[in-house]
Protein backbone atom coordinates (compact mmCIF):
# COMPACT_ATOMS: atom_id res chain seq x y z
CA UNK A 1 82.55 86.11 73.84
CA UNK A 2 86.13 88.47 73.96
CA UNK A 3 89.22 86.96 74.91
CA UNK A 4 89.32 89.71 77.57
CA UNK A 5 85.83 88.67 78.75
CA UNK A 6 86.81 84.93 79.37
CA UNK A 7 89.89 85.74 80.82
CA UNK A 8 88.21 88.00 83.44
CA UNK A 9 85.86 85.32 83.84
CA UNK A 10 88.46 82.63 84.32
CA UNK A 11 89.96 84.83 86.94
CA UNK A 12 86.83 85.15 88.58
CA UNK A 13 86.02 81.60 88.60
CA UNK A 14 89.65 80.62 90.54
CA UNK A 15 88.93 83.46 92.76
CA UNK A 16 85.91 81.94 94.00
CA UNK A 17 87.54 78.32 94.45
CA UNK A 18 90.22 80.18 96.53
CA UNK A 19 87.33 81.30 98.52
CA UNK A 20 85.87 77.99 99.04
CA UNK A 21 89.61 76.69 99.92
CA UNK A 22 90.08 79.38 102.74
CA UNK A 23 86.90 77.67 104.40
CA UNK A 24 88.52 74.26 104.63
CA UNK A 25 91.44 75.46 106.89
CA UNK A 26 91.09 75.24 110.81
CA UNK A 27 92.24 78.52 113.01
CA UNK A 28 93.59 76.17 115.74
CA UNK A 29 96.59 74.73 113.46
CA UNK A 30 99.78 76.80 112.53
CA UNK A 31 100.20 75.05 109.28
CA UNK A 32 96.29 75.67 108.29
CA UNK A 33 97.04 79.59 109.51
CA UNK A 34 100.20 80.09 106.84
CA UNK A 35 98.73 78.45 104.12
CA UNK A 36 95.08 80.61 104.82
CA UNK A 37 96.96 83.60 104.90
CA UNK A 38 98.94 82.39 101.35
CA UNK A 39 95.57 81.61 100.05
CA UNK A 40 94.16 84.91 101.27
CA UNK A 41 97.21 86.75 99.54
CA UNK A 42 96.35 85.17 96.32
CA UNK A 43 92.92 85.82 96.26
CA UNK A 44 93.92 89.98 96.95
CA UNK A 45 96.43 89.44 94.05
CA UNK A 46 93.55 88.02 91.82
CA UNK A 47 91.05 90.86 92.83
CA UNK A 48 93.64 93.50 92.08
CA UNK A 49 94.27 91.58 88.56
CA UNK A 50 90.76 91.19 87.57
CA UNK A 51 89.88 95.03 88.73
CA UNK A 52 93.08 96.08 86.19
CA UNK A 53 91.61 93.89 83.26
CA UNK A 54 88.07 95.68 83.88
CA UNK A 55 89.07 99.05 84.15
CA UNK A 56 92.07 99.45 81.67
CA UNK A 57 94.06 101.10 84.32
CA UNK A 58 96.25 100.03 87.80
CA UNK A 59 93.71 100.14 90.62
CA UNK A 60 94.16 102.79 92.97
CA UNK A 61 95.95 105.12 90.48
CA UNK A 62 94.07 108.73 89.76
CA UNK A 63 95.57 109.07 86.65
CA UNK A 64 95.33 106.66 83.51
CA UNK A 65 92.39 105.74 81.20
CA UNK A 66 89.15 106.50 83.37
CA UNK A 67 86.80 104.32 80.89
CA UNK A 68 85.72 100.58 82.14
CA UNK A 69 86.89 97.91 80.34
CA UNK A 70 89.58 99.69 78.10
CA UNK A 71 91.13 96.24 76.86
CA UNK A 72 87.54 95.14 75.77
CA UNK A 73 87.01 98.44 73.88
CA UNK A 74 89.95 97.93 71.94
CA UNK A 75 88.65 94.70 70.94
CA UNK A 76 85.53 96.06 70.14
CA UNK A 77 87.14 98.77 67.95
CA UNK A 78 88.78 95.93 65.93
CA UNK A 79 85.92 94.24 65.29
CA UNK A 80 84.55 97.31 63.62
CA UNK A 81 87.16 96.14 60.45
CA UNK A 82 84.39 93.73 60.20
CA UNK A 83 81.63 96.30 59.97
CA UNK A 84 83.63 98.37 57.40
CA UNK A 85 84.45 95.12 55.48
CA UNK A 86 80.89 94.18 55.29
CA UNK A 87 78.92 97.50 55.15
CA UNK A 88 75.62 96.58 54.50
CA UNK A 89 73.39 93.99 56.37
CA UNK A 90 70.45 92.86 54.58
CA UNK A 91 67.11 92.55 56.77
CA UNK A 92 63.52 92.39 54.83
CA UNK A 93 65.38 93.54 51.72
CA UNK A 94 66.55 96.61 53.47
CA UNK A 95 70.04 97.81 53.41
CA UNK A 96 71.63 98.95 56.38
CA UNK A 97 74.33 101.51 56.73
CA UNK A 98 76.19 102.29 59.69
CA UNK A 99 77.87 105.66 60.17
CA UNK A 100 80.84 106.54 61.96
CA UNK A 101 78.95 108.03 64.66
CA UNK A 102 76.63 104.94 64.94
CA UNK A 103 79.65 102.64 65.24
CA UNK A 104 80.53 104.71 68.22
CA UNK A 105 77.20 104.83 69.94
CA UNK A 106 77.53 101.10 69.37
CA UNK A 107 81.16 101.05 70.71
CA UNK A 108 80.05 103.05 74.00
CA UNK A 109 77.15 101.00 74.81
CA UNK A 110 78.56 97.57 74.62
CA UNK A 111 81.91 99.02 76.04
CA UNK A 112 79.77 100.26 79.22
CA UNK A 113 77.84 97.08 80.12
CA UNK A 114 79.34 93.93 81.74
CA UNK A 115 80.32 90.86 80.43
CA UNK A 116 77.15 89.28 81.50
CA UNK A 117 74.76 92.29 80.72
CA UNK A 118 76.18 92.25 77.12
CA UNK A 119 75.94 88.63 76.76
CA UNK A 120 72.54 88.27 77.96
CA UNK A 121 71.37 91.75 75.97
CA UNK A 122 72.66 90.44 72.71
CA UNK A 123 71.18 87.29 72.86
CA UNK A 124 67.92 88.72 74.00
CA UNK A 125 67.62 91.39 71.63
CA UNK A 126 69.84 90.39 68.52
CA UNK A 127 69.11 86.79 68.53
CA UNK A 128 65.49 86.72 69.79
CA UNK A 129 66.04 84.28 72.64
CA UNK A 130 63.68 83.85 75.23
CA UNK A 131 65.23 84.60 78.72
CA UNK A 132 64.95 80.97 79.71
CA UNK A 133 66.70 79.78 76.74
CA UNK A 134 69.45 82.25 77.87
CA UNK A 135 69.46 80.78 81.32
CA UNK A 136 69.68 77.33 80.24
CA UNK A 137 72.63 78.21 77.72
CA UNK A 138 74.58 80.03 80.25
CA UNK A 139 73.89 78.17 83.56
CA UNK A 140 72.18 80.75 85.32
CA UNK A 141 68.72 81.37 86.80
CA UNK A 142 66.07 82.79 84.67
CA UNK A 143 65.67 85.81 87.28
CA UNK A 144 69.30 86.71 87.28
CA UNK A 145 69.14 86.78 82.74
CA UNK A 146 66.03 89.00 83.74
CA UNK A 147 68.00 91.43 85.90
CA UNK A 148 71.19 91.63 83.61
CA UNK A 149 68.62 92.23 80.62
CA UNK A 150 67.09 95.11 82.62
CA UNK A 151 70.24 96.78 83.90
CA UNK A 152 71.51 96.99 80.13
CA UNK A 153 68.61 98.11 78.65
CA UNK A 154 68.84 101.24 81.59
CA UNK A 155 72.46 101.71 80.44
CA UNK A 156 71.43 101.50 76.62
CA UNK A 157 68.44 104.30 77.30
CA UNK A 158 71.11 106.50 79.25
CA UNK A 159 73.44 106.32 76.51
CA UNK A 160 71.09 106.94 74.00
CA UNK A 161 69.91 109.84 76.06
CA UNK A 162 72.76 111.62 75.97
CA UNK A 163 74.23 110.45 72.37
């Protein structure tokens, strides 16, 4: 998992924790109201930061980078240095070379998938893991894994249609 993906996931987990915390505050105590207000402000700030990290631009602005996950895309572009170093992949004694166009297509595919879609799709397609095993490793239901894979396949199909 990329560093930015981990950071986004940590923000989401902490945001969920804060949302659960707001449910513990009462409505009659003035101190609880004030604390709940502060926690809600923190939740809004975290949501803003998550959106910024996912899109690569400040939420609410109409200028800037319109592609989703610009930070993820930069890290994926850096990952292509590895592909340049290891130009050949041996699969059943066949050499596979990726052209620059194919690398760009892969970059476009991976940058358009969510963190979970990319994770489930790669584990299923590239590693050949079953949906049950992916669900156990990630800690989500098999049906959720299936939905992520279906969405990822649809996005890949759409990109390949227009590529």
